[in-house]
Amino acid sequence: MAKNKEKESVLAMVEKSKLPKLTLIAARKNVGLTQVNAAKMLKVSVTTLKNWEKGATYPNQPEIERICHLYNVCYDCLNFLPKNFA
């Protein structure tokens, strides 16, 4: 029985890795928020949100949790790298 649970766990990880990655901009737009509204709801400045969205700076763990909750996405679905990252 332990092998079945282990197999299920591995399959779950494989399936999770197939999730599409969304940029912070796409995730925000998917829930219909402007930068101003999202920044207010995340309790950060618009400048901070803009920097996260362009990959200049990155949110910390509590901020990531608020982003995931507000944008209704899991952490694994988010791409925090800038668009031009090679």
N, C-alpha and C. Protein backbone atom coordinates (compact mmCIF):
# COMPACT_ATOMS: atom_id res chain seq x y z
N MET A 1 0.81 -1.20 0.00
CA MET A 1 0.00 0.00 0.00
C MET A 1 0.86 1.27 0.00
N ALA A 2 2.01 1.20 0.64
CA ALA A 2 2.89 2.36 0.69
C ALA A 2 3.40 2.72 -0.71
N LYS A 3 3.63 1.70 -1.54
CA LYS A 3 4.10 1.96 -2.90
C LYS A 3 3.04 2.67 -3.71
N ASN A 4 1.76 2.35 -3.49
CA ASN A 4 0.68 3.03 -4.20
C ASN A 4 0.64 4.52 -3.84
N LYS A 5 0.80 4.82 -2.56
CA LYS A 5 0.81 6.22 -2.11
C LYS A 5 2.00 6.96 -2.71
N GLU A 6 3.14 6.29 -2.73
CA GLU A 6 4.34 6.91 -3.30
C GLU A 6 4.13 7.18 -4.79
N LYS A 7 3.54 6.22 -5.49
CA LYS A 7 3.27 6.38 -6.92
C LYS A 7 2.30 7.52 -7.15
N GLU A 8 1.26 7.60 -6.32
CA GLU A 8 0.29 8.70 -6.44
C GLU A 8 0.96 10.04 -6.21
N SER A 9 1.87 10.09 -5.25
CA SER A 9 2.58 11.33 -4.95
C SER A 9 3.45 11.76 -6.14
N VAL A 10 4.15 10.82 -6.73
CA VAL A 10 5.00 11.12 -7.88
C VAL A 10 4.14 11.59 -9.04
N LEU A 11 3.01 10.91 -9.28
CA LEU A 11 2.11 11.30 -10.37
C LEU A 11 1.55 12.70 -10.13
N ALA A 12 1.23 13.01 -8.89
CA ALA A 12 0.72 14.35 -8.57
C ALA A 12 1.77 15.41 -8.87
N MET A 13 3.04 15.13 -8.56
CA MET A 13 4.11 16.09 -8.85
C MET A 13 4.28 16.27 -10.35
N VAL A 14 4.19 15.18 -11.09
CA VAL A 14 4.33 15.27 -12.55
C VAL A 14 3.20 16.10 -13.12
N GLU A 15 1.98 15.84 -12.68
CA GLU A 15 0.84 16.60 -13.17
C GLU A 15 0.96 18.07 -12.80
N LYS A 16 1.44 18.35 -11.59
CA LYS A 16 1.60 19.73 -11.13
C LYS A 16 2.59 20.48 -12.01
N SER A 17 3.64 19.79 -12.45
CA SER A 17 4.65 20.44 -13.26
C SER A 17 4.11 20.80 -14.65
N LYS A 18 2.99 20.23 -15.05
CA LYS A 18 2.40 20.51 -16.35
C LYS A 18 1.47 21.73 -16.31
N LEU A 19 1.29 22.30 -15.15
CA LEU A 19 0.43 23.46 -15.04
C LEU A 19 1.02 24.62 -15.83
N PRO A 20 0.17 25.38 -16.50
CA PRO A 20 0.70 26.53 -17.25
C PRO A 20 1.21 27.60 -16.28
N LYS A 21 2.26 28.26 -16.68
CA LYS A 21 2.82 29.34 -15.86
C LYS A 21 2.24 30.66 -16.33
N LEU A 22 1.79 31.44 -15.37
CA LEU A 22 1.25 32.77 -15.65
C LEU A 22 2.20 33.83 -15.13
N THR A 23 2.37 34.89 -15.90
CA THR A 23 3.11 36.03 -15.36
C THR A 23 2.21 36.70 -14.34
N LEU A 24 2.78 37.53 -13.50
CA LEU A 24 1.98 38.26 -12.53
C LEU A 24 0.98 39.18 -13.23
N ILE A 25 1.37 39.72 -14.36
CA ILE A 25 0.47 40.60 -15.12
C ILE A 25 -0.73 39.80 -15.60
N ALA A 26 -0.48 38.63 -16.19
CA ALA A 26 -1.58 37.80 -16.70
C ALA A 26 -2.50 37.35 -15.57
N ALA A 27 -1.92 36.95 -14.45
CA ALA A 27 -2.73 36.50 -13.31
C ALA A 27 -3.61 37.65 -12.80
N ARG A 28 -3.04 38.85 -12.73
CA ARG A 28 -3.80 40.01 -12.27
C ARG A 28 -4.93 40.33 -13.24
N LYS A 29 -4.61 40.35 -14.52
CA LYS A 29 -5.62 40.67 -15.53
C LYS A 29 -6.72 39.61 -15.60
N ASN A 30 -6.36 38.35 -15.32
CA ASN A 30 -7.36 37.27 -15.34
C ASN A 30 -8.45 37.46 -14.31
N VAL A 31 -8.13 38.16 -13.22
CA VAL A 31 -9.16 38.42 -12.21
C VAL A 31 -9.73 39.83 -12.34
N GLY A 32 -9.35 40.54 -13.41
CA GLY A 32 -9.94 41.83 -13.72
C GLY A 32 -9.51 42.99 -12.84
N LEU A 33 -8.28 42.93 -12.35
CA LEU A 33 -7.79 44.00 -11.47
C LEU A 33 -6.79 44.90 -12.21
N THR A 34 -6.86 46.17 -11.89
CA THR A 34 -5.84 47.11 -12.36
C THR A 34 -4.66 47.03 -11.40
N GLN A 35 -3.54 47.63 -11.80
CA GLN A 35 -2.39 47.66 -10.90
C GLN A 35 -2.74 48.42 -9.62
N VAL A 36 -3.48 49.50 -9.76
CA VAL A 36 -3.84 50.31 -8.59
C VAL A 36 -4.70 49.49 -7.62
N ASN A 37 -5.73 48.83 -8.14
CA ASN A 37 -6.61 48.04 -7.28
C ASN A 37 -5.87 46.87 -6.64
N ALA A 38 -5.07 46.17 -7.44
CA ALA A 38 -4.33 45.01 -6.92
C ALA A 38 -3.35 45.45 -5.85
N ALA A 39 -2.64 46.54 -6.08
CA ALA A 39 -1.66 47.04 -5.10
C ALA A 39 -2.36 47.36 -3.77
N LYS A 40 -3.51 48.01 -3.85
CA LYS A 40 -4.25 48.33 -2.62
C LYS A 40 -4.65 47.07 -1.89
N MET A 41 -5.15 46.08 -2.62
CA MET A 41 -5.62 44.85 -2.00
C MET A 41 -4.46 44.02 -1.44
N LEU A 42 -3.29 44.14 -2.06
CA LEU A 42 -2.10 43.43 -1.58
C LEU A 42 -1.35 44.21 -0.51
N LYS A 43 -1.81 45.44 -0.27
CA LYS A 43 -1.20 46.32 0.73
C LYS A 43 0.26 46.65 0.40
N VAL A 44 0.50 46.96 -0.88
CA VAL A 44 1.82 47.40 -1.34
C VAL A 44 1.62 48.62 -2.22
N SER A 45 2.68 49.31 -2.52
CA SER A 45 2.58 50.46 -3.42
C SER A 45 2.45 49.97 -4.86
N VAL A 46 1.93 50.85 -5.71
CA VAL A 46 1.83 50.53 -7.13
C VAL A 46 3.23 50.31 -7.70
N THR A 47 4.19 51.08 -7.25
CA THR A 47 5.57 50.93 -7.71
C THR A 47 6.11 49.54 -7.37
N THR A 48 5.82 49.06 -6.17
CA THR A 48 6.26 47.72 -5.78
C THR A 48 5.64 46.67 -6.69
N LEU A 49 4.35 46.78 -6.93
CA LEU A 49 3.68 45.82 -7.81
C LEU A 49 4.26 45.87 -9.22
N LYS A 50 4.50 47.07 -9.73
CA LYS A 50 5.10 47.21 -11.06
C LYS A 50 6.47 46.53 -11.11
N ASN A 51 7.26 46.71 -10.06
CA ASN A 51 8.59 46.08 -10.01
C ASN A 51 8.49 44.56 -9.99
N TRP A 52 7.53 44.01 -9.25
CA TRP A 52 7.31 42.57 -9.25
C TRP A 52 6.93 42.10 -10.65
N GLU A 53 6.02 42.83 -11.29
CA GLU A 53 5.52 42.42 -12.59
C GLU A 53 6.58 42.45 -13.68
N LYS A 54 7.55 43.35 -13.55
CA LYS A 54 8.61 43.40 -14.57
C LYS A 54 9.85 42.63 -14.14
N GLY A 55 9.81 42.00 -12.97
CA GLY A 55 10.92 41.18 -12.52
C GLY A 55 12.09 41.94 -11.95
N ALA A 56 11.89 43.22 -11.63
CA ALA A 56 12.97 44.03 -11.06
C ALA A 56 13.21 43.66 -9.59
N THR A 57 12.12 43.34 -8.89
CA THR A 57 12.19 42.87 -7.51
C THR A 57 11.20 41.72 -7.37
N TYR A 58 11.25 41.03 -6.24
CA TYR A 58 10.40 39.87 -6.05
C TYR A 58 9.71 39.93 -4.69
N PRO A 59 8.48 39.45 -4.63
CA PRO A 59 7.75 39.47 -3.36
C PRO A 59 8.32 38.44 -2.39
N ASN A 60 8.13 38.69 -1.09
CA ASN A 60 8.56 37.72 -0.09
C ASN A 60 7.42 36.70 0.13
N GLN A 61 7.65 35.73 0.99
CA GLN A 61 6.69 34.63 1.16
C GLN A 61 5.29 35.10 1.57
N PRO A 62 5.14 35.96 2.58
CA PRO A 62 3.78 36.41 2.91
C PRO A 62 3.10 37.15 1.76
N GLU A 63 3.89 37.91 1.01
CA GLU A 63 3.34 38.64 -0.15
C GLU A 63 2.91 37.66 -1.25
N ILE A 64 3.71 36.62 -1.46
CA ILE A 64 3.35 35.60 -2.45
C ILE A 64 2.04 34.92 -2.06
N GLU A 65 1.88 34.64 -0.79
CA GLU A 65 0.64 34.01 -0.32
C GLU A 65 -0.57 34.92 -0.57
N ARG A 66 -0.39 36.23 -0.36
CA ARG A 66 -1.49 37.17 -0.63
C ARG A 66 -1.78 37.24 -2.13
N ILE A 67 -0.73 37.22 -2.94
CA ILE A 67 -0.90 37.23 -4.40
C ILE A 67 -1.69 36.00 -4.84
N CYS A 68 -1.28 34.84 -4.38
CA CYS A 68 -1.97 33.60 -4.76
C CYS A 68 -3.43 33.63 -4.36
N HIS A 69 -3.70 34.12 -3.17
CA HIS A 69 -5.09 34.20 -2.70
C HIS A 69 -5.89 35.21 -3.53
N LEU A 70 -5.35 36.38 -3.74
CA LEU A 70 -6.06 37.43 -4.47
C LEU A 70 -6.28 37.04 -5.93
N TYR A 71 -5.27 36.47 -6.57
CA TYR A 71 -5.36 36.12 -7.98
C TYR A 71 -5.95 34.73 -8.20
N ASN A 72 -6.21 34.03 -7.11
CA ASN A 72 -6.82 32.70 -7.16
C ASN A 72 -5.98 31.72 -8.00
N VAL A 73 -4.69 31.71 -7.73
CA VAL A 73 -3.78 30.79 -8.42
C VAL A 73 -2.84 30.16 -7.39
N CYS A 74 -2.30 29.01 -7.73
CA CYS A 74 -1.32 28.38 -6.85
C CYS A 74 0.08 28.92 -7.17
N TYR A 75 0.96 28.80 -6.23
CA TYR A 75 2.33 29.28 -6.41
C TYR A 75 2.98 28.66 -7.64
N ASP A 76 2.75 27.37 -7.84
CA ASP A 76 3.37 26.67 -8.96
C ASP A 76 2.89 27.17 -10.32
N CYS A 77 1.79 27.89 -10.34
CA CYS A 77 1.25 28.42 -11.60
C CYS A 77 1.82 29.78 -11.95
N LEU A 78 2.58 30.38 -11.05
CA LEU A 78 3.10 31.73 -11.28
C LEU A 78 4.53 31.70 -11.77
N ASN A 79 4.83 32.61 -12.69
CA ASN A 79 6.16 32.80 -13.21
C ASN A 79 6.64 34.17 -12.75
N PHE A 80 7.64 34.20 -11.90
CA PHE A 80 8.14 35.47 -11.36
C PHE A 80 9.30 36.02 -12.16
N LEU A 81 9.70 35.35 -13.23
CA LEU A 81 10.81 35.83 -14.04
C LEU A 81 10.33 36.84 -15.06
N PRO A 82 11.18 37.79 -15.41
CA PRO A 82 10.81 38.74 -16.45
C PRO A 82 10.62 38.03 -17.79
N LYS A 83 9.82 38.65 -18.67
CA LYS A 83 9.50 38.06 -19.97
C LYS A 83 10.75 37.74 -20.80
N ASN A 84 11.75 38.58 -20.73
CA ASN A 84 12.93 38.42 -21.58
C ASN A 84 14.02 37.56 -20.94
N PHE A 85 13.68 36.85 -19.86
CA PHE A 85 14.67 35.99 -19.19
C PHE A 85 14.99 34.80 -20.08
N ALA A 86 16.25 34.60 -20.38
CA ALA A 86 16.63 33.50 -21.29
C ALA A 86 17.20 32.33 -20.53
